[in-house]
Amino acid sequence: MLNEFKTFAMRGNVIDMAVGVIMGGAFGKIVSSLVNDVIMPPVGVLIGGVDFKDLAITLKKAVTDADGVVTAPAVTLNYGMFLQNTFD
């Protein structure tokens, strides 16, 4: 059984796929950092210092009790996160 697995794993396809998955994960982090740390800050300055992650439309306000404790969180449409992920 071990020899069969070794034969299967040593075929080029499995090793190539594993290397591709690892490289894809690393490249994804590089692209995310490029967008979040290099591209988006100047874009935010150009449009007035807006952080895209904070852009949202409140569909329903948060419900609080008499003591000010939130009993039901606000319902928001977070289109800023969508824009951020689209650029990413």
Protein backbone atom coordinates (compact mmCIF):
# COMPACT_ATOMS: atom_id res chain seq x y z
CA MET A 1 0.00 0.00 0.00
CA LEU A 2 2.85 2.40 0.81
CA ASN A 3 4.52 1.62 -2.50
CA GLU A 4 1.28 2.35 -4.36
CA PHE A 5 0.95 5.72 -2.64
CA LYS A 6 4.60 6.51 -3.34
CA THR A 7 4.07 5.67 -7.02
CA PHE A 8 0.96 7.86 -7.11
CA ALA A 9 2.63 10.77 -5.30
CA MET A 10 5.74 10.66 -7.44
CA ARG A 11 3.78 11.17 -10.61
CA GLY A 12 4.43 14.70 -11.77
CA ASN A 13 0.81 15.84 -11.50
CA VAL A 14 0.46 15.57 -7.71
CA ILE A 15 3.72 17.34 -6.94
CA ASP A 16 3.05 20.04 -9.53
CA MET A 17 -0.40 20.64 -8.09
CA ALA A 18 0.95 20.90 -4.53
CA VAL A 19 3.58 23.41 -5.61
CA GLY A 20 0.92 25.38 -7.49
CA VAL A 21 -1.35 25.53 -4.44
CA ILE A 22 1.49 26.76 -2.22
CA MET A 23 2.59 29.36 -4.77
CA GLY A 24 -1.00 30.50 -5.28
CA GLY A 25 -1.47 31.03 -1.55
CA ALA A 26 1.74 33.04 -1.29
CA PHE A 27 0.90 35.12 -4.36
CA GLY A 28 -2.59 35.83 -2.96
CA LYS A 29 -1.04 37.33 0.17
CA ILE A 30 1.28 39.47 -1.95
CA VAL A 31 -1.62 40.81 -4.03
CA SER A 32 -3.69 41.51 -0.89
CA SER A 33 -0.83 43.44 0.67
CA LEU A 34 -0.23 45.39 -2.55
CA VAL A 35 -3.87 46.44 -2.73
CA ASN A 36 -4.39 47.15 0.99
CA ASP A 37 -1.05 48.81 1.73
CA VAL A 38 0.02 50.45 -1.53
CA ILE A 39 -2.93 51.07 -3.85
CA MET A 40 -5.89 51.79 -1.55
CA PRO A 41 -4.32 54.49 0.71
CA PRO A 42 -3.68 56.92 -2.19
CA VAL A 43 -7.12 56.18 -3.63
CA GLY A 44 -8.61 56.94 -0.21
CA VAL A 45 -6.75 60.26 -0.09
CA LEU A 46 -7.94 61.18 -3.58
CA ILE A 47 -11.58 60.61 -2.68
CA GLY A 48 -11.36 62.42 0.63
CA GLY A 49 -9.70 60.08 3.11
CA VAL A 50 -12.46 57.49 2.98
CA ASP A 51 -11.59 54.00 4.15
CA PHE A 52 -13.46 51.64 1.85
CA LYS A 53 -13.95 49.10 4.63
CA ASP A 54 -16.11 51.61 6.53
CA LEU A 55 -18.50 52.32 3.66
CA ALA A 56 -21.92 50.83 4.39
CA ILE A 57 -25.62 51.52 4.13
CA THR A 58 -27.57 50.98 7.34
CA LEU A 59 -30.72 49.04 6.55
CA LYS A 60 -31.87 48.80 10.16
CA LYS A 61 -30.41 50.63 13.15
CA ALA A 62 -29.15 48.76 16.20
CA VAL A 63 -31.70 48.15 18.95
CA THR A 64 -30.63 49.09 22.48
CA ASP A 65 -32.33 48.63 25.81
CA ALA A 66 -32.85 51.32 28.47
CA ASP A 67 -29.28 50.86 29.76
CA GLY A 68 -27.79 51.44 26.31
CA VAL A 69 -26.83 47.78 25.82
CA VAL A 70 -27.21 46.62 22.22
CA THR A 71 -29.84 43.89 22.09
CA ALA A 72 -29.89 43.56 18.29
CA PRO A 73 -26.99 44.72 16.11
CA ALA A 74 -27.49 47.02 13.15
CA VAL A 75 -28.18 45.45 9.77
CA THR A 76 -25.84 46.96 7.20
CA LEU A 77 -25.07 46.57 3.53
CA ASN A 78 -21.26 46.64 3.52
CA TYR A 79 -20.57 47.74 -0.03
CA GLY A 80 -17.17 49.12 1.01
CA MET A 81 -15.94 45.64 1.88
CA PHE A 82 -17.23 44.47 -1.49
CA LEU A 83 -15.26 47.23 -3.26
CA GLN A 84 -12.15 46.40 -1.24
CA ASN A 85 -12.41 42.71 -2.13
CA THR A 86 -13.09 43.57 -5.78
CA PHE A 87 -9.87 45.59 -5.98
CA ASP A 88 -8.09 42.80 -4.13
